[in-house]
Amino acid sequence: MKTIAKYIIISFIFICYNSLQAQISTSETPVSFGLNMEQKYDAKSAKTMPNIDIDKLTAEDEINEKSGASYHRFGYPHKVDYSLENSGEWFILQNGDKMFFIGFSINN
């Protein structure tokens, strides 16, 4: 009896889990895609990210892989202090909506 109840509970959880969605997709294009904002955005205000020693990171990754690590690096952390107040540019659209743009560049 306990086994049947366990399977019923597991089946119920599986059915509920498969019916959940985190976000409703409306297949709409973001407003910024149609505004040609590249001409208005000042690329000189783009934030330049610090240089990254890719050779050093690759060597670390090889060591981790050889040691049997179960993860793979997908990013590199570094401190930044960018916010809506101290970085980027705000644009006010014709309908009064506001849009924020910030650009990032790298030196590597």
PDB file of N, CA and C in Angstrom:
ATOM      1  N   MET A   1       0.821  -1.204   0.000  1.00  0.00           N
ATOM      2  CA  MET A   1       0.000   0.000   0.000  1.00  0.00           C
ATOM      3  C   MET A   1       0.864   1.267   0.000  1.00  0.00           C
ATOM      4  N   LYS A   2       1.938   1.208   0.803  1.00  0.00           N
ATOM      5  CA  LYS A   2       2.811   2.374   0.866  1.00  0.00           C
ATOM      6  C   LYS A   2       3.444   2.660  -0.492  1.00  0.00           C
ATOM      7  N   THR A   3       3.778   1.623  -1.229  1.00  0.00           N
ATOM      8  CA  THR A   3       4.399   1.780  -2.538  1.00  0.00           C
ATOM      9  C   THR A   3       3.438   2.445  -3.514  1.00  0.00           C
ATOM     10  N   ILE A   4       2.183   2.035  -3.508  1.00  0.00           N
ATOM     11  CA  ILE A   4       1.180   2.634  -4.396  1.00  0.00           C
ATOM     12  C   ILE A   4       0.987   4.107  -4.054  1.00  0.00           C
ATOM     13  N   ALA A   5       0.909   4.442  -2.772  1.00  0.00           N
ATOM     14  CA  ALA A   5       0.745   5.833  -2.346  1.00  0.00           C
ATOM     15  C   ALA A   5       1.953   6.663  -2.780  1.00  0.00           C
ATOM     16  N   LYS A   6       3.133   6.084  -2.670  1.00  0.00           N
ATOM     17  CA  LYS A   6       4.353   6.786  -3.072  1.00  0.00           C
ATOM     18  C   LYS A   6       4.315   7.108  -4.570  1.00  0.00           C
ATOM     19  N   TYR A   7       3.894   6.126  -5.389  1.00  0.00           N
ATOM     20  CA  TYR A   7       3.815   6.347  -6.828  1.00  0.00           C
ATOM     21  C   TYR A   7       2.745   7.378  -7.191  1.00  0.00           C
ATOM     22  N   ILE A   8       1.658   7.372  -6.459  1.00  0.00           N
ATOM     23  CA  ILE A   8       0.593   8.356  -6.703  1.00  0.00           C
ATOM     24  C   ILE A   8       1.103   9.759  -6.381  1.00  0.00           C
ATOM     25  N   ILE A   9       1.800   9.896  -5.272  1.00  0.00           N
ATOM     26  CA  ILE A   9       2.343  11.212  -4.889  1.00  0.00           C
ATOM     27  C   ILE A   9       3.387  11.673  -5.896  1.00  0.00           C
ATOM     28  N   ILE A  10       4.279  10.789  -6.299  1.00  0.00           N
ATOM     29  CA  ILE A  10       5.306  11.143  -7.281  1.00  0.00           C
ATOM     30  C   ILE A  10       4.663  11.527  -8.611  1.00  0.00           C
ATOM     31  N   SER A  11       3.639  10.790  -9.025  1.00  0.00           N
ATOM     32  CA  SER A  11       2.932  11.107 -10.275  1.00  0.00           C
ATOM     33  C   SER A  11       2.260  12.462 -10.189  1.00  0.00           C
ATOM     34  N   PHE A  12       1.644  12.756  -9.046  1.00  0.00           N
ATOM     35  CA  PHE A  12       0.973  14.041  -8.857  1.00  0.00           C
ATOM     36  C   PHE A  12       1.978  15.190  -8.938  1.00  0.00           C
ATOM     37  N   ILE A  13       3.123  15.044  -8.275  1.00  0.00           N
ATOM     38  CA  ILE A  13       4.160  16.080  -8.313  1.00  0.00           C
ATOM     39  C   ILE A  13       4.663  16.272  -9.736  1.00  0.00           C
ATOM     40  N   PHE A  14       4.895  15.176 -10.436  1.00  0.00           N
ATOM     41  CA  PHE A  14       5.378  15.253 -11.820  1.00  0.00           C
ATOM     42  C   PHE A  14       4.377  15.976 -12.713  1.00  0.00           C
ATOM     43  N   ILE A  15       3.094  15.663 -12.588  1.00  0.00           N
ATOM     44  CA  ILE A  15       2.056  16.319 -13.403  1.00  0.00           C
ATOM     45  C   ILE A  15       1.993  17.807 -13.089  1.00  0.00           C
ATOM     46  N   CYS A  16       2.026  18.162 -11.812  1.00  0.00           N
ATOM     47  CA  CYS A  16       1.978  19.585 -11.427  1.00  0.00           C
ATOM     48  C   CYS A  16       3.219  20.324 -11.905  1.00  0.00           C
ATOM     49  N   TYR A  17       4.373  19.690 -11.763  1.00  0.00           N
ATOM     50  CA  TYR A  17       5.626  20.320 -12.166  1.00  0.00           C
ATOM     51  C   TYR A  17       5.626  20.604 -13.666  1.00  0.00           C
ATOM     52  N   ASN A  18       5.161  19.695 -14.470  1.00  0.00           N
ATOM     53  CA  ASN A  18       5.159  19.881 -15.919  1.00  0.00           C
ATOM     54  C   ASN A  18       4.164  20.939 -16.369  1.00  0.00           C
ATOM     55  N   SER A  19       3.177  21.250 -15.554  1.00  0.00           N
ATOM     56  CA  SER A  19       2.194  22.246 -15.969  1.00  0.00           C
ATOM     57  C   SER A  19       2.581  23.664 -15.550  1.00  0.00           C
ATOM     58  N   LEU A  20       3.633  23.825 -14.758  1.00  0.00           N
ATOM     59  CA  LEU A  20       4.073  25.142 -14.315  1.00  0.00           C
ATOM     60  C   LEU A  20       4.877  25.840 -15.408  1.00  0.00           C
ATOM     61  N   GLN A  21       4.700  27.155 -15.510  1.00  0.00           N
ATOM     62  CA  GLN A  21       5.503  27.965 -16.427  1.00  0.00           C
ATOM     63  C   GLN A  21       5.948  29.201 -15.678  1.00  0.00           C
ATOM     64  N   ALA A  22       7.210  29.556 -15.853  1.00  0.00           N
ATOM     65  CA  ALA A  22       7.755  30.701 -15.139  1.00  0.00           C
ATOM     66  C   ALA A  22       7.371  32.023 -15.798  1.00  0.00           C
ATOM     67  N   GLN A  23       7.176  32.010 -17.090  1.00  0.00           N
ATOM     68  CA  GLN A  23       6.884  33.245 -17.800  1.00  0.00           C
ATOM     69  C   GLN A  23       5.984  32.937 -18.986  1.00  0.00           C
ATOM     70  N   ILE A  24       5.004  33.785 -19.174  1.00  0.00           N
ATOM     71  CA  ILE A  24       4.107  33.618 -20.310  1.00  0.00           C
ATOM     72  C   ILE A  24       4.773  34.228 -21.533  1.00  0.00           C
ATOM     73  N   SER A  25       4.882  33.485 -22.601  1.00  0.00           N
ATOM     74  CA  SER A  25       5.499  33.966 -23.823  1.00  0.00           C
ATOM     75  C   SER A  25       4.426  34.531 -24.743  1.00  0.00           C
ATOM     76  N   THR A  26       4.625  35.772 -25.167  1.00  0.00           N
ATOM     77  CA  THR A  26       3.675  36.408 -26.082  1.00  0.00           C
ATOM     78  C   THR A  26       4.259  36.574 -27.477  1.00  0.00           C
ATOM     79  N   SER A  27       5.487  36.134 -27.670  1.00  0.00           N
ATOM     80  CA  SER A  27       6.172  36.202 -28.963  1.00  0.00           C
ATOM     81  C   SER A  27       6.260  37.628 -29.510  1.00  0.00           C
ATOM     82  N   GLU A  28       6.295  38.601 -28.632  1.00  0.00           N
ATOM     83  CA  GLU A  28       6.423  39.994 -29.060  1.00  0.00           C
ATOM     84  C   GLU A  28       7.893  40.377 -29.163  1.00  0.00           C
ATOM     85  N   THR A  29       8.183  41.317 -30.031  1.00  0.00           N
ATOM     86  CA  THR A  29       9.526  41.847 -30.181  1.00  0.00           C
ATOM     87  C   THR A  29       9.713  42.982 -29.176  1.00  0.00           C
ATOM     88  N   PRO A  30      10.844  43.039 -28.472  1.00  0.00           N
ATOM     89  CA  PRO A  30      11.082  44.143 -27.543  1.00  0.00           C
ATOM     90  C   PRO A  30      10.992  45.496 -28.244  1.00  0.00           C
ATOM     91  N   VAL A  31      10.464  46.481 -27.552  1.00  0.00           N
ATOM     92  CA  VAL A  31      10.264  47.818 -28.115  1.00  0.00           C
ATOM     93  C   VAL A  31      11.571  48.384 -28.651  1.00  0.00           C
ATOM     94  N   SER A  32      12.677  48.156 -27.930  1.00  0.00           N
ATOM     95  CA  SER A  32      13.956  48.751 -28.323  1.00  0.00           C
ATOM     96  C   SER A  32      14.451  48.231 -29.666  1.00  0.00           C
ATOM     97  N   PHE A  33      13.998  47.050 -30.117  1.00  0.00           N
ATOM     98  CA  PHE A  33      14.462  46.496 -31.385  1.00  0.00           C
ATOM     99  C   PHE A  33      14.031  47.344 -32.570  1.00  0.00           C
ATOM    100  N   GLY A  34      12.939  48.056 -32.449  1.00  0.00           N
ATOM    101  CA  GLY A  34      12.424  48.834 -33.564  1.00  0.00           C
ATOM    102  C   GLY A  34      12.703  50.319 -33.483  1.00  0.00           C
ATOM    103  N   LEU A  35      13.540  50.763 -32.558  1.00  0.00           N
ATOM    104  CA  LEU A  35      13.729  52.199 -32.349  1.00  0.00           C
ATOM    105  C   LEU A  35      15.004  52.768 -32.940  1.00  0.00           C
ATOM    106  N   ASN A  36      15.888  51.921 -33.445  1.00  0.00           N
ATOM    107  CA  ASN A  36      17.162  52.389 -33.996  1.00  0.00           C
ATOM    108  C   ASN A  36      17.909  53.255 -32.977  1.00  0.00           C
ATOM    109  N   MET A  37      18.021  52.731 -31.766  1.00  0.00           N
ATOM    110  CA  MET A  37      18.632  53.484 -30.674  1.00  0.00           C
ATOM    111  C   MET A  37      20.144  53.595 -30.820  1.00  0.00           C
ATOM    112  N   GLU A  38      20.744  52.765 -31.674  1.00  0.00           N
ATOM    113  CA  GLU A  38      22.199  52.816 -31.832  1.00  0.00           C
ATOM    114  C   GLU A  38      22.665  54.207 -32.250  1.00  0.00           C
ATOM    115  N   GLN A  39      21.846  54.897 -33.041  1.00  0.00           N
ATOM    116  CA  GLN A  39      22.225  56.227 -33.499  1.00  0.00           C
ATOM    117  C   GLN A  39      22.136  57.246 -32.371  1.00  0.00           C
ATOM    118  N   LYS A  40      21.274  57.001 -31.393  1.00  0.00           N
ATOM    119  CA  LYS A  40      21.100  57.947 -30.296  1.00  0.00           C
ATOM    120  C   LYS A  40      22.033  57.665 -29.128  1.00  0.00           C
ATOM    121  N   TYR A  41      22.415  56.397 -28.957  1.00  0.00           N
ATOM    122  CA  TYR A  41      23.245  56.019 -27.830  1.00  0.00           C
ATOM    123  C   TYR A  41      24.689  56.417 -28.085  1.00  0.00           C
ATOM    124  N   ASP A  42      25.302  57.059 -27.122  1.00  0.00           N
ATOM    125  CA  ASP A  42      26.690  57.501 -27.238  1.00  0.00           C
ATOM    126  C   ASP A  42      27.620  56.362 -26.840  1.00  0.00           C
ATOM    127  N   ALA A  43      28.256  55.742 -27.814  1.00  0.00           N
ATOM    128  CA  ALA A  43      29.131  54.589 -27.556  1.00  0.00           C
ATOM    129  C   ALA A  43      30.324  54.970 -26.685  1.00  0.00           C
ATOM    130  N   LYS A  44      30.655  56.260 -26.632  1.00  0.00           N
ATOM    131  CA  LYS A  44      31.776  56.697 -25.795  1.00  0.00           C
ATOM    132  C   LYS A  44      31.471  56.497 -24.318  1.00  0.00           C
ATOM    133  N   SER A  45      30.194  56.397 -23.965  1.00  0.00           N
ATOM    134  CA  SER A  45      29.835  56.208 -22.562  1.00  0.00           C
ATOM    135  C   SER A  45      29.797  54.734 -22.176  1.00  0.00           C
ATOM    136  N   ALA A  46      30.172  53.844 -23.098  1.00  0.00           N
ATOM    137  CA  ALA A  46      30.198  52.414 -22.789  1.00  0.00           C
ATOM    138  C   ALA A  46      31.240  52.143 -21.710  1.00  0.00           C
ATOM    139  N   LYS A  47      30.938  51.225 -20.835  1.00  0.00           N
ATOM    140  CA  LYS A  47      31.848  50.855 -19.758  1.00  0.00           C
ATOM    141  C   LYS A  47      32.808  49.783 -20.270  1.00  0.00           C
ATOM    142  N   THR A  48      34.098  50.000 -20.043  1.00  0.00           N
ATOM    143  CA  THR A  48      35.107  49.035 -20.472  1.00  0.00           C
ATOM    144  C   THR A  48      35.396  48.097 -19.309  1.00  0.00           C
ATOM    145  N   MET A  49      35.225  46.808 -19.563  1.00  0.00           N
ATOM    146  CA  MET A  49      35.448  45.817 -18.527  1.00  0.00           C
ATOM    147  C   MET A  49      36.955  45.591 -18.369  1.00  0.00           C
ATOM    148  N   PRO A  50      37.386  45.191 -17.167  1.00  0.00           N
ATOM    149  CA  PRO A  50      38.817  44.972 -16.941  1.00  0.00           C
ATOM    150  C   PRO A  50      39.356  43.825 -17.797  1.00  0.00           C
ATOM    151  N   ASN A  51      40.637  43.904 -18.107  1.00  0.00           N
ATOM    152  CA  ASN A  51      41.275  42.839 -18.885  1.00  0.00           C
ATOM    153  C   ASN A  51      41.221  41.529 -18.120  1.00  0.00           C
ATOM    154  N   ILE A  52      41.081  40.455 -18.862  1.00  0.00           N
ATOM    155  CA  ILE A  52      41.028  39.122 -18.278  1.00  0.00           C
ATOM    156  C   ILE A  52      42.190  38.312 -18.848  1.00  0.00           C
ATOM    157  N   ASP A  53      42.912  37.653 -17.981  1.00  0.00           N
ATOM    158  CA  ASP A  53      44.020  36.801 -18.406  1.00  0.00           C
ATOM    159  C   ASP A  53      43.443  35.447 -18.821  1.00  0.00           C
ATOM    160  N   ILE A  54      43.077  35.325 -20.083  1.00  0.00           N
ATOM    161  CA  ILE A  54      42.416  34.124 -20.578  1.00  0.00           C
ATOM    162  C   ILE A  54      43.334  32.915 -20.498  1.00  0.00           C
ATOM    163  N   ASP A  55      44.628  33.105 -20.738  1.00  0.00           N
ATOM    164  CA  ASP A  55      45.572  31.980 -20.649  1.00  0.00           C
ATOM    165  C   ASP A  55      45.596  31.402 -19.235  1.00  0.00           C
ATOM    166  N   LYS A  56      45.577  32.284 -18.231  1.00  0.00           N
ATOM    167  CA  LYS A  56      45.574  31.844 -16.835  1.00  0.00           C
ATOM    168  C   LYS A  56      44.286  31.081 -16.526  1.00  0.00           C
ATOM    169  N   LEU A  57      43.150  31.602 -16.979  1.00  0.00           N
ATOM    170  CA  LEU A  57      41.873  30.939 -16.729  1.00  0.00           C
ATOM    171  C   LEU A  57      41.798  29.582 -17.425  1.00  0.00           C
ATOM    172  N   THR A  58      42.329  29.508 -18.649  1.00  0.00           N
ATOM    173  CA  THR A  58      42.339  28.241 -19.385  1.00  0.00           C
ATOM    174  C   THR A  58      43.189  27.212 -18.644  1.00  0.00           C
ATOM    175  N   ALA A  59      44.341  27.642 -18.125  1.00  0.00           N
ATOM    176  CA  ALA A  59      45.204  26.726 -17.360  1.00  0.00           C
ATOM    177  C   ALA A  59      44.482  26.239 -16.103  1.00  0.00           C
ATOM    178  N   GLU A  60      43.771  27.140 -15.400  1.00  0.00           N
ATOM    179  CA  GLU A  60      43.001  26.743 -14.218  1.00  0.00           C
ATOM    180  C   GLU A  60      41.923  25.733 -14.597  1.00  0.00           C
ATOM    181  N   ASP A  61      41.249  25.985 -15.717  1.00  0.00           N
ATOM    182  CA  ASP A  61      40.189  25.080 -16.166  1.00  0.00           C
ATOM    183  C   ASP A  61      40.738  23.689 -16.477  1.00  0.00           C
ATOM    184  N   GLU A  62      41.914  23.640 -17.094  1.00  0.00           N
ATOM    185  CA  GLU A  62      42.533  22.349 -17.409  1.00  0.00           C
ATOM    186  C   GLU A  62      42.889  21.589 -16.139  1.00  0.00           C
ATOM    187  N   ILE A  63      43.395  22.303 -15.139  1.00  0.00           N
ATOM    188  CA  ILE A  63      43.728  21.671 -13.853  1.00  0.00           C
ATOM    189  C   ILE A  63      42.456  21.122 -13.210  1.00  0.00           C
ATOM    190  N   ASN A  64      41.390  21.926 -13.209  1.00  0.00           N
ATOM    191  CA  ASN A  64      40.119  21.482 -12.617  1.00  0.00           C
ATOM    192  C   ASN A  64      39.571  20.264 -13.342  1.00  0.00           C
ATOM    193  N   GLU A  65      39.680  20.267 -14.663  1.00  0.00           N
ATOM    194  CA  GLU A  65      39.165  19.146 -15.449  1.00  0.00           C
ATOM    195  C   GLU A  65      39.939  17.864 -15.148  1.00  0.00           C
ATOM    196  N   LYS A  66      41.272  17.990 -15.038  1.00  0.00           N
ATOM    197  CA  LYS A  66      42.104  16.820 -14.747  1.00  0.00           C
ATOM    198  C   LYS A  66      41.843  16.271 -13.344  1.00  0.00           C
ATOM    199  N   SER A  67      41.468  17.175 -12.423  1.00  0.00           N
ATOM    200  CA  SER A  67      41.209  16.732 -11.044  1.00  0.00           C
ATOM    201  C   SER A  67      39.808  16.150 -10.884  1.00  0.00           C
ATOM    202  N   GLY A  68      39.039  16.154 -11.979  1.00  0.00           N
ATOM    203  CA  GLY A  68      37.712  15.540 -11.938  1.00  0.00           C
ATOM    204  C   GLY A  68      36.616  16.465 -11.453  1.00  0.00           C
ATOM    205  N   ALA A  69      36.808  17.766 -11.570  1.00  0.00           N
ATOM    206  CA  ALA A  69      35.774  18.716 -11.136  1.00  0.00           C
ATOM    207  C   ALA A  69      34.492  18.472 -11.927  1.00  0.00           C
ATOM    208  N   SER A  70      33.371  18.596 -11.247  1.00  0.00           N
ATOM    209  CA  SER A  70      32.085  18.311 -11.892  1.00  0.00           C
ATOM    210  C   SER A  70      31.417  19.574 -12.438  1.00  0.00           C
ATOM    211  N   TYR A  71      32.141  20.647 -12.541  1.00  0.00           N
ATOM    212  CA  TYR A  71      31.587  21.902 -13.047  1.00  0.00           C
ATOM    213  C   TYR A  71      32.486  22.464 -14.144  1.00  0.00           C
ATOM    214  N   HIS A  72      31.922  23.352 -14.931  1.00  0.00           N
ATOM    215  CA  HIS A  72      32.684  24.048 -15.966  1.00  0.00           C
ATOM    216  C   HIS A  72      32.470  25.543 -15.783  1.00  0.00           C
ATOM    217  N   ARG A  73      33.524  26.298 -15.957  1.00  0.00           N
ATOM    218  CA  ARG A  73      33.434  27.754 -15.794  1.00  0.00           C
ATOM    219  C   ARG A  73      32.633  28.342 -16.954  1.00  0.00           C
ATOM    220  N   PHE A  74      31.700  29.221 -16.649  1.00  0.00           N
ATOM    221  CA  PHE A  74      30.953  29.896 -17.699  1.00  0.00           C
ATOM    222  C   PHE A  74      31.026  31.403 -17.569  1.00  0.00           C
ATOM    223  N   GLY A  75      31.757  31.879 -16.605  1.00  0.00           N
ATOM    224  CA  GLY A  75      31.904  33.315 -16.433  1.00  0.00           C
ATOM    225  C   GLY A  75      33.098  33.602 -15.542  1.00  0.00           C
ATOM    226  N   TYR A  76      33.387  34.874 -15.381  1.00  0.00           N
ATOM    227  CA  TYR A  76      34.493  35.280 -14.538  1.00  0.00           C
ATOM    228  C   TYR A  76      34.023  36.463 -13.689  1.00  0.00           C
ATOM    229  N   PRO A  77      34.018  36.317 -12.366  1.00  0.00           N
ATOM    230  CA  PRO A  77      33.511  37.406 -11.516  1.00  0.00           C
ATOM    231  C   PRO A  77      34.529  38.534 -11.335  1.00  0.00           C
ATOM    232  N   HIS A  78      34.040  39.733 -11.337  1.00  0.00           N
ATOM    233  CA  HIS A  78      34.839  40.885 -10.950  1.00  0.00           C
ATOM    234  C   HIS A  78      33.879  41.966 -10.465  1.00  0.00           C
ATOM    235  N   LYS A  79      34.394  42.845  -9.620  1.00  0.00           N
ATOM    236  CA  LYS A  79      33.530  43.849  -8.996  1.00  0.00           C
ATOM    237  C   LYS A  79      33.251  44.992  -9.964  1.00  0.00           C
ATOM    238  N   VAL A  80      32.000  45.435  -9.944  1.00  0.00           N
ATOM    239  CA  VAL A  80      31.589  46.612 -10.693  1.00  0.00           C
ATOM    240  C   VAL A  80      30.667  47.433  -9.805  1.00  0.00           C
ATOM    241  N   ASP A  81      30.490  48.671 -10.162  1.00  0.00           N
ATOM    242  CA  ASP A  81      29.588  49.538  -9.408  1.00  0.00           C
ATOM    243  C   ASP A  81      28.776  50.367 -10.394  1.00  0.00           C
ATOM    244  N   TYR A  82      27.993  49.705 -11.215  1.00  0.00           N
ATOM    245  CA  TYR A  82      27.169  50.377 -12.215  1.00  0.00           C
ATOM    246  C   TYR A  82      25.714  50.305 -11.776  1.00  0.00           C
ATOM    247  N   SER A  83      25.050  51.420 -11.864  1.00  0.00           N
ATOM    248  CA  SER A  83      23.641  51.451 -11.475  1.00  0.00           C
ATOM    249  C   SER A  83      22.881  52.349 -12.444  1.00  0.00           C
ATOM    250  N   LEU A  84      21.588  52.446 -12.235  1.00  0.00           N
ATOM    251  CA  LEU A  84      20.761  53.310 -13.073  1.00  0.00           C
ATOM    252  C   LEU A  84      21.094  54.785 -12.860  1.00  0.00           C
ATOM    253  N   GLU A  85      21.696  55.095 -11.715  1.00  0.00           N
ATOM    254  CA  GLU A  85      22.008  56.488 -11.411  1.00  0.00           C
ATOM    255  C   GLU A  85      23.375  56.927 -11.914  1.00  0.00           C
ATOM    256  N   ASN A  86      24.369  55.998 -11.949  1.00  0.00           N
ATOM    257  CA  ASN A  86      25.728  56.437 -12.269  1.00  0.00           C
ATOM    258  C   ASN A  86      26.262  55.945 -13.612  1.00  0.00           C
ATOM    259  N   SER A  87      25.428  55.258 -14.377  1.00  0.00           N
ATOM    260  CA  SER A  87      25.917  54.688 -15.633  1.00  0.00           C
ATOM    261  C   SER A  87      24.810  54.705 -16.675  1.00  0.00           C
ATOM    262  N   GLY A  88      25.207  54.504 -17.916  1.00  0.00           N
ATOM    263  CA  GLY A  88      24.227  54.381 -18.990  1.00  0.00           C
ATOM    264  C   GLY A  88      23.504  55.678 -19.317  1.00  0.00           C
ATOM    265  N   GLU A  89      22.491  55.533 -20.157  1.00  0.00           N
ATOM    266  CA  GLU A  89      21.702  56.695 -20.579  1.00  0.00           C
ATOM    267  C   GLU A  89      20.222  56.343 -20.550  1.00  0.00           C
ATOM    268  N   TRP A  90      19.424  57.306 -20.128  1.00  0.00           N
ATOM    269  CA  TRP A  90      17.966  57.171 -20.147  1.00  0.00           C
ATOM    270  C   TRP A  90      17.428  57.874 -21.389  1.00  0.00           C
ATOM    271  N   PHE A  91      16.449  57.261 -22.021  1.00  0.00           N
ATOM    272  CA  PHE A  91      15.765  57.868 -23.157  1.00  0.00           C
ATOM    273  C   PHE A  91      14.277  57.896 -22.849  1.00  0.00           C
ATOM    274  N   ILE A  92      13.643  58.999 -23.194  1.00  0.00           N
ATOM    275  CA  ILE A  92      12.192  59.099 -23.038  1.00  0.00           C
ATOM    276  C   ILE A  92      11.582  58.939 -24.426  1.00  0.00           C
ATOM    277  N   LEU A  93      10.732  57.937 -24.562  1.00  0.00           N
ATOM    278  CA  LEU A  93      10.099  57.645 -25.844  1.00  0.00           C
ATOM    279  C   LEU A  93       8.934  58.593 -26.091  1.00  0.00           C
ATOM    280  N   GLN A  94       8.436  58.600 -27.300  1.00  0.00           N
ATOM    281  CA  GLN A  94       7.355  59.522 -27.678  1.00  0.00           C
ATOM    282  C   GLN A  94       6.110  59.338 -26.827  1.00  0.00           C
ATOM    283  N   ASN A  95       5.849  58.115 -26.391  1.00  0.00           N
ATOM    284  CA  ASN A  95       4.656  57.878 -25.582  1.00  0.00           C
ATOM    285  C   ASN A  95       4.891  58.143 -24.096  1.00  0.00           C
ATOM    286  N   GLY A  96       6.099  58.592 -23.726  1.00  0.00           N
ATOM    287  CA  GLY A  96       6.415  58.917 -22.344  1.00  0.00           C
ATOM    288  C   GLY A  96       7.124  57.807 -21.594  1.00  0.00           C
ATOM    289  N   ASP A  97       7.193  56.620 -22.181  1.00  0.00           N
ATOM    290  CA  ASP A  97       7.918  55.529 -21.539  1.00  0.00           C
ATOM    291  C   ASP A  97       9.401  55.870 -21.460  1.00  0.00           C
ATOM    292  N   LYS A  98      10.066  55.319 -20.461  1.00  0.00           N
ATOM    293  CA  LYS A  98      11.504  55.523 -20.311  1.00  0.00           C
ATOM    294  C   LYS A  98      12.228  54.234 -20.625  1.00  0.00           C
ATOM    295  N   MET A  99      13.402  54.364 -21.277  1.00  0.00           N
ATOM    296  CA  MET A  99      14.206  53.206 -21.632  1.00  0.00           C
ATOM    297  C   MET A  99      15.648  53.496 -21.242  1.00  0.00           C
ATOM    298  N   PHE A 100      16.290  52.516 -20.621  1.00  0.00           N
ATOM    299  CA  PHE A 100      17.659  52.659 -20.145  1.00  0.00           C
ATOM    300  C   PHE A 100      18.595  51.824 -21.005  1.00  0.00           C
ATOM    301  N   PHE A 101      19.707  52.395 -21.404  1.00  0.00           N
ATOM    302  CA  PHE A 101      20.723  51.690 -22.180  1.00  0.00           C
ATOM    303  C   PHE A 101      22.070  51.829 -21.482  1.00  0.00           C
ATOM    304  N   ILE A 102      22.795  50.727 -21.454  1.00  0.00           N
ATOM    305  CA  ILE A 102      24.173  50.756 -20.973  1.00  0.00           C
ATOM    306  C   ILE A 102      24.960  49.816 -21.875  1.00  0.00           C
ATOM    307  N   GLY A 103      26.130  50.255 -22.279  1.00  0.00           N
ATOM    308  CA  GLY A 103      26.978  49.450 -23.152  1.00  0.00           C
ATOM    309  C   GLY A 103      28.215  48.983 -22.407  1.00  0.00           C
ATOM    310  N   PHE A 104      28.702  47.820 -22.798  1.00  0.00           N
ATOM    311  CA  PHE A 104      29.919  47.257 -22.218  1.00  0.00           C
ATOM    312  C   PHE A 104      30.855  46.855 -23.346  1.00  0.00           C
ATOM    313  N   SER A 105      32.144  47.071 -23.117  1.00  0.00           N
ATOM    314  CA  SER A 105      33.138  46.631 -24.099  1.00  0.00           C
ATOM    315  C   SER A 105      34.270  45.940 -23.349  1.00  0.00           C
ATOM    316  N   ILE A 106      35.054  45.162 -24.089  1.00  0.00           N
ATOM    317  CA  ILE A 106      36.193  44.485 -23.505  1.00  0.00           C
ATOM    318  C   ILE A 106      37.440  44.825 -24.300  1.00  0.00           C
ATOM    319  N   ASN A 107      38.589  44.705 -23.672  1.00  0.00           N
ATOM    320  CA  ASN A 107      39.854  45.046 -24.323  1.00  0.00           C
ATOM    321  C   ASN A 107      40.569  43.838 -24.890  1.00  0.00           C
ATOM    322  N   ASN A 108      40.154  42.612 -24.536  1.00  0.00           N
ATOM    323  CA  ASN A 108      40.910  41.419 -24.960  1.00  0.00           C
ATOM    324  C   ASN A 108      40.906  41.250 -26.438  1.00  0.00           C
TER     325      ASN A 108
END
